[in-house]
Each structure stands twice: as structure tokens, then as C-alpha cells.
Amino acid sequence: MTATHRPYFWIEPGGAKSPAGWQPLSDHNYWEAKSRAPQWQSFLGSAPSWADDLHRVGRAVFAADKHSRRDASFDRWTRHMRLSIPVAAYERWQSVRPLLTSLLRTMTADRWDVEFREADLATNVPFTFDPDSRAGEVALFSGGLDSLSWAAQRASFRTSEELLLISFGEQNFGHLQDSVYDGIYRRRARPVRRIPLSQNVRIQDREEGDPAPERTTRSRGFLYATAAVRAAAAEGVPFAHIPENGQLSINPPLTPARAAACSTRSVHPWTLHLLNRLIAAVADGTVVHLQNPLAHLTKRQVCQSALDAGLTPADLAATLSCGTPPKHRPHGSGLANCGHCYPCLVRRAGLFGMDHTPYDYDPWDPSLSWDQAEHWHALQSWLAASYSLRDLIADTPLPPDTDTQATLAVIKRGREELSELGEIEGKA
């Protein structure tokens, strides 16, 4: 049995008000400057209505996700989410409801009932530039190691076509993202443009004693993907890149308790497969295809590619990888990377031998409690066990056209990199 939260009703400017018993949600629930609102983003073309619909669904889903506390559920995780969203192409979206709910369940492990309602939505039409001046490539840029490496590789490619990077601000760490982007911009061999967006959700009319927003962000990858697709559609680019190393894109669970969406699946091959099916079903005309260009690389290979593109170890150290924000660390120093969560452990393995990152603490420090070193102990147990093709496909399906041997090889190379962290423990 799952906990049913109050149903959510997404409202567009001038649209219908929420019925009694429904929680209204809108763009006003996002902390952002006016320039970061979807209708004011500086694309060099007009986004088609299907892409506007897709991104609206992404924003509505993420806002509902952040408004629904998992700890109110019987198992403190699984929720029953009900959400109503206005769309321009009502019949098209009605036909993909099963596909959408399957995608969201894969990403969040929740039960979703998404309803659509027909709406005559106003579209802000920007000044349209000549097609030759539009971007030639679109990629997500988080300011992490993977997106930095891919952006550096593509920015160093000498061409007149512009590289468009789509960013989502990290609360309290925007300066890090800006600094990392500046490193790309200074070394560019082609035009580079960046559009910053917001992912910070606030609960309106929240009173003292009311619960804070949900800490987990399992649907955040859906928000990111829909923004990248909308940008690519507006610029007339047929592909949008979501760069993540193969180890973390598969993100094999370290323990049985982390199976399925208890570990993030935002760039898992199956997730991208469902996303691309959804896009193909709702797109009217040209389709944008999502790709992970780093799917067959380990973290260390990604870092080496960044160095080959002209970046320095100091540039890599300035990135953000952590899965535990400082405000959620009981005794953190406020540093960007905690050093002991699983993403930080993969980061350490990728930067092995050249890591200048300041961390809160080392997970192998013998003075730490078992809880503080939880991820390190889980990693050691996972590395001590064998890993086979059966393990790869048992947790989350893979698309029919997947090269399973190549995917398995990435995981095994990643395990070898992670095993080398034990050398640091032995010297500590």
C-alpha cells in the first residue's frame, strides 16, 4: 500500500484555478529570476508546442515530487502521486499516459496518476534569428565532472556552429558552476552559449511547523531532460546530450535495499529509451533524440578526456559531484563535496592520483562511526562480490538494442577503479 498525497493541479497564467481539495502548483513555485522562466528563455528560435508541453510536464512532475514527503508513506519511500496538467495536444498526451507513468515509476519508484486537460495555452514567440545563427549542438551542463568533460571536448572542436549548454542552478553553489563554465568559455574554439534555469522549488504559504520540501530528487533528471529537449527543438537541433559516465548511468545498487529507483536512474539506458519513446509519441514534426555520449566510459576515462581537451586537475577539482548537499550533512563544513557518499567515491576513483578536491572527511578514517562510513562499507561489500550479466539486467531492464557486453565491461572497469581506493585506506 502506498500513501496518497493531496492531488496537485498545475496552473498556467490565465488558466483554470485548482478545484477544491487540489493543491495548486505553478511556475511561481520555482525560485527564479523572471529571465529563467520558460517563456523568457533566450533561444534563437521558437520552441514548438509539443516541446513546451513536455517541459511543462517536467516542471509539474518535479514540483509535485518536492511537495510530497516520502517519510509520510508507510515504508517512508513509496508515494501515490496524482497530478493534473494542461497541455496543448490533449489527445496526444492522453495516448501516452501509460508510457509516461511507466517512465516516472522507473525514475522515482512511486505510483503516478497523471491526468491531462485540454488548454488553449499562450505561447511567447521570441524574435527568430536566421537558422544559420542557431546552435549546432545542445548539452546539459551541471558543472559536474562528466558534463565539464563533455563540454570541454565539444567546445575545443573547431567549428562555426554554436554549442548551447543548459544549466540548472545548484543552491549555494552557483559560483562553482559559473567558475567551471568560465574555464570552458576561456578555452573555446567555437561559439559557446549557456542558458541557466532553476530547479529550486518552494512551498508557497508554508507556515512555521509545516514540513520542508522532500529531500530526494528522483524526478529531477526528467526535468533536466525535458529542458534539454525543449532547447534543442527551439534551436532546430536533432539531438540533445545528457553526459554521464557509464558507471553512474547504470548505477548498480551496492546493497539489495538500494535496488530499482532507490538508486537514481535518471540517465540509465532504459530511462533514456522510455524518454525517447515518449518524445517520439508527442512530437509534431521533427523529433529530438536524447543521447548519453559518455555511456561507454568510466569516470577515470571521462576525467582523462577532460585533460586531453585542455583542462587541468585544478579545473576538475572545482567541480561538484556530491549527492549530499551541505545542509543535509549533520556535521559538514560547507564544502561542495562531502567525500563519502557514493557519487563522491566514484569521483575519488576517477581522479585517483590527481585529486585536489577538498572533502569534508575521508570515508576510511577509522574514527568515523559506522553510519558515517555507510557508503564506504557498502562499496567494499559490493566489490568483494562477483558481478555478472545477470546482475546487470536483474535490477532495471536494458533496451533491446543494448550492447550488453560493452555495458558490462564499463561496470567491470569502474569496479577496478573503485578497488584502487583501498590503496588510500591502506596508507591512511
Protein backbone atom coordinates (compact mmCIF):
# COMPACT_ATOMS: atom_id res chain seq x y z
CA MET A 1 0.00 0.00 0.00
CA THR A 2 1.28 3.47 -0.87
CA ALA A 3 0.50 6.78 0.77
CA THR A 4 -1.77 9.04 -1.28
CA HIS A 5 -0.78 12.68 -1.14
CA ARG A 6 -3.04 15.59 -1.86
CA PRO A 7 -3.63 15.81 -5.64
CA TYR A 8 -1.77 18.55 -7.50
CA PHE A 9 -3.18 20.88 -10.13
CA TRP A 10 -0.68 22.68 -12.40
CA ILE A 11 -1.81 26.18 -13.35
CA GLU A 12 -0.65 28.27 -16.30
CA PRO A 13 -1.08 32.09 -16.44
CA GLY A 14 -4.72 32.86 -17.15
CA GLY A 15 -5.66 29.20 -16.80
CA ALA A 16 -8.29 27.46 -14.71
CA LYS A 17 -7.99 27.64 -10.93
CA SER A 18 -7.49 24.48 -8.91
CA PRO A 19 -10.68 22.68 -7.79
CA ALA A 20 -11.46 22.24 -4.11
CA GLY A 21 -9.19 19.70 -2.48
CA TRP A 22 -6.39 20.10 -5.02
CA GLN A 23 -3.02 21.70 -4.26
CA PRO A 24 -2.25 24.40 -6.85
CA LEU A 25 1.21 24.36 -8.42
CA SER A 26 2.68 26.73 -10.99
CA ASP A 27 5.89 28.34 -12.20
CA HIS A 28 5.64 30.55 -9.09
CA ASN A 29 6.72 27.51 -7.05
CA TYR A 30 10.18 27.81 -8.57
CA TRP A 31 12.68 30.25 -7.09
CA GLU A 32 13.94 32.00 -10.17
CA ALA A 33 14.50 35.33 -11.80
CA LYS A 34 12.00 36.27 -14.48
CA SER A 35 14.65 35.67 -17.13
CA ARG A 36 14.81 32.00 -16.13
CA ALA A 37 11.09 31.34 -16.57
CA PRO A 38 10.35 29.06 -19.55
CA GLN A 39 8.58 31.74 -21.58
CA TRP A 40 11.56 34.13 -21.36
CA GLN A 41 14.45 31.81 -22.18
CA SER A 42 16.73 33.23 -24.85
CA PHE A 43 16.52 30.65 -27.59
CA LEU A 44 17.27 31.70 -31.16
CA GLY A 45 14.04 30.14 -32.35
CA SER A 46 10.56 29.38 -31.05
CA ALA A 47 10.04 26.10 -29.20
CA PRO A 48 7.24 24.04 -30.80
CA SER A 49 4.13 23.50 -28.71
CA TRP A 50 4.90 19.81 -28.14
CA ALA A 51 8.24 20.74 -26.57
CA ASP A 52 6.52 23.36 -24.41
CA ASP A 53 4.05 20.68 -23.30
CA LEU A 54 6.89 18.27 -22.50
CA HIS A 55 8.81 20.78 -20.39
CA ARG A 56 5.60 21.85 -18.60
CA VAL A 57 5.05 18.21 -17.67
CA GLY A 58 8.65 18.05 -16.42
CA ARG A 59 8.26 21.12 -14.23
CA ALA A 60 4.90 19.96 -12.87
CA VAL A 61 6.23 16.50 -12.03
CA PHE A 62 9.28 17.85 -10.21
CA ALA A 63 7.25 20.43 -8.26
CA ALA A 64 4.80 17.72 -7.16
CA ASP A 65 7.71 15.46 -6.23
CA LYS A 66 9.24 18.14 -3.97
CA HIS A 67 5.86 18.82 -2.31
CA SER A 68 5.34 15.16 -1.32
CA ARG A 69 7.33 13.88 1.64
CA ARG A 70 8.43 10.27 1.40
CA ASP A 71 8.60 9.93 5.17
CA ALA A 72 4.80 10.28 5.27
CA SER A 73 4.49 6.94 3.43
CA PHE A 74 4.11 3.63 5.23
CA ASP A 75 7.55 2.46 4.07
CA ARG A 76 8.97 6.01 4.22
CA TRP A 77 9.59 5.89 0.47
CA THR A 78 6.79 4.91 -1.92
CA ARG A 79 4.15 7.53 -2.69
CA HIS A 80 0.92 7.68 -4.69
CA MET A 81 1.08 10.85 -6.78
CA ARG A 82 -1.88 12.39 -8.58
CA LEU A 83 -1.26 15.34 -10.89
CA SER A 84 -3.34 17.33 -13.42
CA ILE A 85 -1.51 19.23 -16.19
CA PRO A 86 -2.83 21.43 -19.03
CA VAL A 87 -1.45 20.62 -22.48
CA ALA A 88 -1.98 21.93 -25.99
CA ALA A 89 -2.05 18.47 -27.61
CA TYR A 90 -4.57 16.83 -25.29
CA GLU A 91 -5.32 13.68 -27.32
CA ARG A 92 -1.65 13.01 -27.98
CA TRP A 93 -0.82 13.20 -24.28
CA GLN A 94 -3.81 11.09 -23.31
CA SER A 95 -2.47 8.34 -25.55
CA VAL A 96 0.93 8.28 -23.82
CA ARG A 97 -0.28 8.21 -20.21
CA PRO A 98 0.75 4.55 -19.68
CA LEU A 99 4.20 5.25 -21.14
CA LEU A 100 4.66 8.37 -19.00
CA THR A 101 3.61 6.64 -15.78
CA SER A 102 5.98 3.75 -16.56
CA LEU A 103 8.82 6.23 -17.06
CA LEU A 104 8.07 8.08 -13.83
CA ARG A 105 7.80 4.85 -11.87
CA THR A 106 11.19 3.78 -13.23
CA MET A 107 12.74 7.06 -12.12
CA THR A 108 11.03 7.52 -8.74
CA ALA A 109 9.63 4.13 -7.59
CA ASP A 110 6.30 5.88 -6.98
CA ARG A 111 2.83 5.26 -8.36
CA TRP A 112 1.78 8.15 -10.63
CA ASP A 113 -1.71 9.06 -11.85
CA VAL A 114 -1.13 11.88 -14.34
CA GLU A 115 -4.23 13.48 -15.83
CA PHE A 116 -4.23 15.91 -18.73
CA ARG A 117 -6.70 18.62 -19.55
CA GLU A 118 -7.09 20.50 -22.80
CA ALA A 119 -5.96 24.11 -22.67
CA ASP A 120 -5.51 26.97 -25.09
CA LEU A 121 -2.05 27.93 -23.92
CA ALA A 122 -0.49 31.27 -24.78
CA THR A 123 2.95 30.99 -26.37
CA ASN A 124 5.59 33.68 -26.08
CA VAL A 125 7.15 33.94 -29.55
CA PRO A 126 10.69 35.34 -29.37
CA PHE A 127 12.49 37.14 -32.13
CA THR A 128 13.56 34.39 -34.53
CA PHE A 129 17.13 34.58 -35.78
CA ASP A 130 18.43 33.23 -39.06
CA PRO A 131 18.73 29.42 -38.80
CA ASP A 132 22.47 29.64 -39.54
CA SER A 133 22.98 31.56 -36.29
CA ARG A 134 21.32 28.92 -34.12
CA ALA A 135 23.12 26.31 -32.04
CA GLY A 136 24.57 23.25 -33.73
CA GLU A 137 24.74 21.19 -30.52
CA VAL A 138 22.83 21.13 -27.22
CA ALA A 139 24.03 19.50 -23.99
CA LEU A 140 23.16 19.58 -20.31
CA PHE A 141 25.84 21.24 -18.19
CA SER A 142 25.61 20.72 -14.43
CA GLY A 143 29.12 21.79 -13.50
CA GLY A 144 29.99 18.21 -12.52
CA LEU A 145 32.95 16.24 -13.83
CA ASP A 146 31.04 14.46 -16.58
CA SER A 147 29.29 17.49 -18.05
CA LEU A 148 32.51 19.52 -17.75
CA SER A 149 34.47 16.87 -19.63
CA TRP A 150 31.92 16.67 -22.45
CA ALA A 151 31.57 20.45 -22.70
CA ALA A 152 35.37 20.81 -22.84
CA GLN A 153 35.63 18.21 -25.60
CA ARG A 154 32.91 19.81 -27.70
CA ALA A 155 33.99 23.42 -27.03
CA SER A 156 37.51 22.58 -28.22
CA PHE A 157 36.15 21.27 -31.53
CA ARG A 158 36.90 23.96 -34.09
CA THR A 159 33.70 24.88 -35.96
CA SER A 160 31.47 27.88 -36.56
CA GLU A 161 28.45 26.05 -35.09
CA GLU A 162 27.50 27.17 -31.60
CA LEU A 163 27.49 24.87 -28.57
CA LEU A 164 24.48 25.53 -26.32
CA LEU A 165 24.78 24.41 -22.68
CA ILE A 166 21.68 24.09 -20.49
CA SER A 167 22.35 24.51 -16.76
CA PHE A 168 20.27 24.17 -13.61
CA GLY A 169 21.45 26.25 -10.68
CA GLU A 170 22.68 24.45 -7.57
CA GLN A 171 21.54 26.34 -4.48
CA ASN A 172 24.54 27.96 -2.73
CA PHE A 173 26.94 26.64 -5.37
CA GLY A 174 26.10 28.79 -8.38
CA HIS A 175 29.55 30.36 -8.13
CA LEU A 176 31.15 26.94 -8.66
CA GLN A 177 29.08 26.33 -11.78
CA ASP A 178 29.97 29.80 -13.08
CA SER A 179 33.66 29.20 -12.43
CA VAL A 180 33.63 25.84 -14.19
CA TYR A 181 31.78 27.34 -17.15
CA ASP A 182 34.30 30.19 -17.34
CA GLY A 183 37.05 27.58 -17.73
CA ILE A 184 35.21 26.17 -20.74
CA TYR A 185 34.49 29.57 -22.22
CA ARG A 186 38.11 30.74 -21.99
CA ARG A 187 39.34 27.68 -23.90
CA ARG A 188 36.60 27.59 -26.52
CA ALA A 189 37.44 27.10 -30.20
CA ARG A 190 33.84 27.75 -31.28
CA PRO A 191 30.89 29.91 -30.14
CA VAL A 192 29.53 28.76 -26.76
CA ARG A 193 26.31 29.91 -25.09
CA ARG A 194 24.84 28.94 -21.72
CA ILE A 195 21.24 29.21 -20.52
CA PRO A 196 20.79 28.92 -16.72
CA LEU A 197 17.49 27.54 -15.39
CA SER A 198 16.02 26.96 -11.93
CA GLN A 199 15.39 23.72 -10.05
CA ASN A 200 14.74 25.22 -6.62
CA VAL A 201 11.15 24.53 -5.56
CA ARG A 202 9.48 26.43 -2.75
CA ILE A 203 6.29 25.57 -0.93
CA GLN A 204 4.06 28.63 -1.08
CA ASP A 205 2.22 29.77 2.04
CA ARG A 206 4.34 27.45 4.16
CA GLU A 207 3.89 28.20 7.84
CA GLU A 208 6.17 27.52 10.78
CA GLY A 209 5.99 23.86 11.66
CA ASP A 210 4.94 22.78 8.16
CA PRO A 211 7.17 20.09 6.62
CA ALA A 212 10.06 21.20 4.44
CA PRO A 213 10.22 20.12 0.79
CA GLU A 214 11.08 16.49 0.08
CA ARG A 215 14.85 15.93 0.24
CA THR A 216 15.13 13.35 -2.54
CA THR A 217 15.11 14.45 -6.16
CA ARG A 218 14.42 11.31 -8.17
CA SER A 219 12.39 13.12 -10.85
CA ARG A 220 14.99 15.85 -11.31
CA GLY A 221 16.52 14.02 -14.26
CA PHE A 222 13.16 14.20 -16.02
CA LEU A 223 13.08 17.97 -15.52
CA TYR A 224 16.60 18.26 -16.92
CA ALA A 225 15.84 16.09 -19.94
CA THR A 226 12.67 17.98 -20.87
CA ALA A 227 14.55 21.28 -20.69
CA ALA A 228 17.31 19.97 -22.96
CA VAL A 229 14.76 18.65 -25.46
CA ARG A 230 12.87 21.95 -25.49
CA ALA A 231 16.10 23.87 -26.11
CA ALA A 232 17.13 21.55 -28.92
CA ALA A 233 13.68 21.74 -30.51
CA ALA A 234 13.73 25.55 -30.38
CA GLU A 235 17.19 25.70 -31.95
CA GLY A 236 16.44 23.07 -34.59
CA VAL A 237 18.98 20.55 -33.24
CA PRO A 238 18.03 16.86 -33.68
CA PHE A 239 19.96 15.59 -30.64
CA ALA A 240 20.37 16.63 -27.01
CA HIS A 241 23.26 15.22 -25.00
CA ILE A 242 22.99 14.18 -21.35
CA PRO A 243 26.58 13.30 -20.41
CA GLU A 244 27.12 10.81 -17.59
CA ASN A 245 29.79 8.14 -17.21
CA GLY A 246 28.69 4.57 -17.79
CA GLN A 247 29.27 3.50 -14.19
CA LEU A 248 26.86 6.05 -12.71
CA SER A 249 24.37 5.89 -15.59
CA ILE A 250 23.80 2.21 -14.77
CA ASN A 251 24.32 2.93 -11.04
CA PRO A 252 24.26 -0.71 -9.89
CA PRO A 253 22.83 -0.98 -6.37
CA LEU A 254 25.52 -1.55 -3.75
CA THR A 255 23.03 -3.35 -1.48
CA PRO A 256 19.64 -5.05 -2.04
CA ALA A 257 17.97 -2.13 -0.22
CA ARG A 258 19.12 0.21 -3.00
CA ALA A 259 17.56 -1.76 -5.84
CA ALA A 260 15.44 -0.09 -8.54
CA ALA A 261 14.74 3.63 -8.06
CA CYS A 262 16.18 3.66 -4.55
CA SER A 263 19.30 4.38 -6.60
CA THR A 264 18.99 7.14 -9.18
CA ARG A 265 18.13 6.08 -12.72
CA SER A 266 17.97 9.46 -14.47
CA VAL A 267 20.40 8.55 -17.29
CA HIS A 268 20.03 4.77 -17.21
CA PRO A 269 19.76 3.33 -20.76
CA TRP A 270 16.22 2.13 -20.01
CA THR A 271 15.20 5.59 -18.80
CA LEU A 272 16.58 7.20 -21.97
CA HIS A 273 14.81 4.54 -24.03
CA LEU A 274 11.46 5.40 -22.42
CA LEU A 275 12.15 9.13 -22.73
CA ASN A 276 12.90 8.82 -26.43
CA ARG A 277 9.74 6.77 -26.96
CA LEU A 278 7.75 9.47 -25.16
CA ILE A 279 9.30 12.25 -27.25
CA ALA A 280 8.62 10.38 -30.49
CA ALA A 281 4.99 9.88 -29.46
CA VAL A 282 4.23 13.51 -28.55
CA ALA A 283 6.42 15.34 -31.08
CA ASP A 284 4.74 17.00 -34.01
CA GLY A 285 7.22 17.00 -36.86
CA THR A 286 10.95 16.96 -36.08
CA VAL A 287 11.90 14.70 -33.17
CA VAL A 288 14.72 15.40 -30.71
CA HIS A 289 16.66 12.32 -29.63
CA LEU A 290 18.35 12.13 -26.21
CA GLN A 291 21.84 10.59 -26.08
CA ASN A 292 24.41 9.86 -23.40
CA PRO A 293 27.77 10.37 -25.17
CA LEU A 294 29.76 9.01 -22.19
CA ALA A 295 27.83 5.77 -21.74
CA HIS A 296 30.84 3.56 -22.52
CA LEU A 297 33.39 5.44 -20.42
CA THR A 298 34.35 5.03 -16.77
CA LYS A 299 34.78 8.04 -14.50
CA ARG A 300 38.56 7.94 -14.90
CA GLN A 301 38.26 7.81 -18.68
CA VAL A 302 35.93 10.81 -18.53
CA CYS A 303 38.48 12.70 -16.42
CA GLN A 304 41.28 11.80 -18.84
CA SER A 305 39.17 13.06 -21.75
CA ALA A 306 38.78 16.36 -19.91
CA LEU A 307 42.56 16.66 -19.53
CA ASP A 308 43.04 15.77 -23.20
CA ALA A 309 40.66 18.64 -24.04
CA GLY A 310 42.97 21.11 -22.28
CA LEU A 311 41.62 21.25 -18.73
CA THR A 312 43.83 20.94 -15.66
CA PRO A 313 43.48 18.87 -12.46
CA ALA A 314 42.60 22.13 -10.70
CA ASP A 315 39.71 22.63 -13.15
CA LEU A 316 38.44 19.15 -12.34
CA ALA A 317 38.78 19.72 -8.60
CA ALA A 318 36.49 22.76 -8.85
CA THR A 319 33.51 20.63 -9.96
CA LEU A 320 30.54 19.40 -7.92
CA SER A 321 29.74 15.67 -7.66
CA CYS A 322 28.24 15.25 -4.21
CA GLY A 323 24.91 13.55 -3.61
CA THR A 324 24.55 15.02 -0.10
CA PRO A 325 24.14 18.83 -0.01
CA PRO A 326 25.84 20.56 2.95
CA LYS A 327 22.52 21.45 4.60
CA HIS A 328 21.73 17.73 4.83
CA ARG A 329 25.07 16.80 6.41
CA PRO A 330 24.93 16.68 10.22
CA HIS A 331 28.49 17.89 10.81
CA GLY A 332 29.60 19.18 7.42
CA SER A 333 31.98 22.05 6.81
CA GLY A 334 30.01 23.55 3.93
CA LEU A 335 32.41 22.18 1.31
CA ALA A 336 30.87 21.33 -2.05
CA ASN A 337 31.81 17.62 -1.91
CA CYS A 338 31.36 15.53 1.24
CA GLY A 339 33.84 12.86 0.12
CA HIS A 340 31.98 9.81 1.44
CA CYS A 341 28.68 9.46 -0.50
CA TYR A 342 28.66 7.09 -3.47
CA PRO A 343 28.97 9.83 -6.14
CA CYS A 344 31.95 11.23 -4.22
CA LEU A 345 33.55 7.77 -4.03
CA VAL A 346 33.20 7.38 -7.81
CA ARG A 347 34.66 10.88 -8.15
CA ARG A 348 37.64 9.93 -5.98
CA ALA A 349 38.23 6.84 -8.12
CA GLY A 350 38.06 8.91 -11.31
CA LEU A 351 40.53 11.49 -10.01
CA PHE A 352 42.80 8.89 -8.38
CA GLY A 353 46.36 10.17 -8.28
CA MET A 354 45.46 13.76 -9.19
CA ASP A 355 42.65 14.69 -6.81
CA HIS A 356 42.98 18.18 -5.33
CA THR A 357 39.37 18.31 -4.12
CA PRO A 358 38.77 19.41 -0.51
CA TYR A 359 36.37 16.97 1.18
CA ASP A 360 34.52 17.01 4.49
CA TYR A 361 36.24 13.80 5.56
CA ASP A 362 37.65 10.52 4.27
CA PRO A 363 35.29 7.52 4.50
CA TRP A 364 38.12 5.19 5.55
CA ASP A 365 39.01 7.33 8.57
CA PRO A 366 38.92 4.83 11.50
CA SER A 367 37.50 7.48 13.82
CA LEU A 368 34.23 7.65 11.84
CA SER A 369 31.11 5.90 13.05
CA TRP A 370 29.61 3.06 11.04
CA ASP A 371 26.79 5.32 9.87
CA GLN A 372 29.22 7.98 8.67
CA ALA A 373 31.12 5.40 6.63
CA GLU A 374 27.96 3.60 5.46
CA HIS A 375 28.59 4.07 1.74
CA TRP A 376 32.22 3.01 2.06
CA HIS A 377 31.26 -0.24 3.81
CA ALA A 378 28.53 -0.91 1.22
CA LEU A 379 31.03 -0.31 -1.58
CA GLN A 380 33.54 -2.74 -0.04
CA SER A 381 30.86 -5.44 0.21
CA TRP A 382 29.80 -4.86 -3.41
CA LEU A 383 33.39 -5.02 -4.67
CA ALA A 384 34.00 -8.23 -2.72
CA ALA A 385 31.13 -9.94 -4.55
CA SER A 386 31.16 -11.01 -8.19
CA TYR A 387 29.26 -9.00 -10.81
CA SER A 388 27.84 -10.62 -13.93
CA LEU A 389 25.48 -10.01 -16.80
CA ARG A 390 22.69 -11.40 -14.64
CA ASP A 391 23.33 -8.66 -12.05
CA LEU A 392 23.33 -6.03 -14.80
CA ILE A 393 19.89 -6.90 -16.12
CA ALA A 394 18.25 -8.03 -12.86
CA ASP A 395 17.79 -4.57 -11.39
CA THR A 396 16.47 -2.49 -14.30
CA PRO A 397 15.79 -3.63 -17.90
CA LEU A 398 18.03 -2.63 -20.79
CA PRO A 399 16.76 -1.50 -24.21
CA PRO A 400 16.57 -4.24 -26.88
CA ASP A 401 19.45 -2.79 -28.91
CA THR A 402 21.88 -2.54 -25.96
CA ASP A 403 25.38 -3.96 -26.36
CA THR A 404 25.26 -5.78 -23.05
CA GLN A 405 28.88 -6.95 -23.17
CA ALA A 406 30.14 -3.39 -23.70
CA THR A 407 27.93 -2.15 -20.87
CA LEU A 408 29.12 -4.91 -18.54
CA ALA A 409 32.73 -4.10 -19.46
CA VAL A 410 32.24 -0.48 -18.33
CA ILE A 411 30.95 -1.63 -14.94
CA LYS A 412 33.87 -4.02 -14.50
CA ARG A 413 36.43 -1.34 -15.41
CA GLY A 414 34.69 1.00 -12.99
CA ARG A 415 34.92 -1.64 -10.25
CA GLU A 416 38.66 -1.87 -10.85
CA GLU A 417 38.96 1.90 -10.45
CA LEU A 418 36.94 1.85 -7.24
CA SER A 419 39.03 -1.01 -5.87
CA GLU A 420 42.11 1.20 -6.06
CA LEU A 421 40.64 3.44 -3.37
CA GLY A 422 41.60 0.66 -0.96
CA GLU A 423 45.23 1.65 -1.53
CA ILE A 424 44.48 5.01 0.08
CA GLU A 425 42.80 3.28 3.02
CA GLY A 426 45.88 1.10 3.49
CA LYS A 427 48.12 4.17 3.69
CA ALA A 428 45.80 6.16 5.97
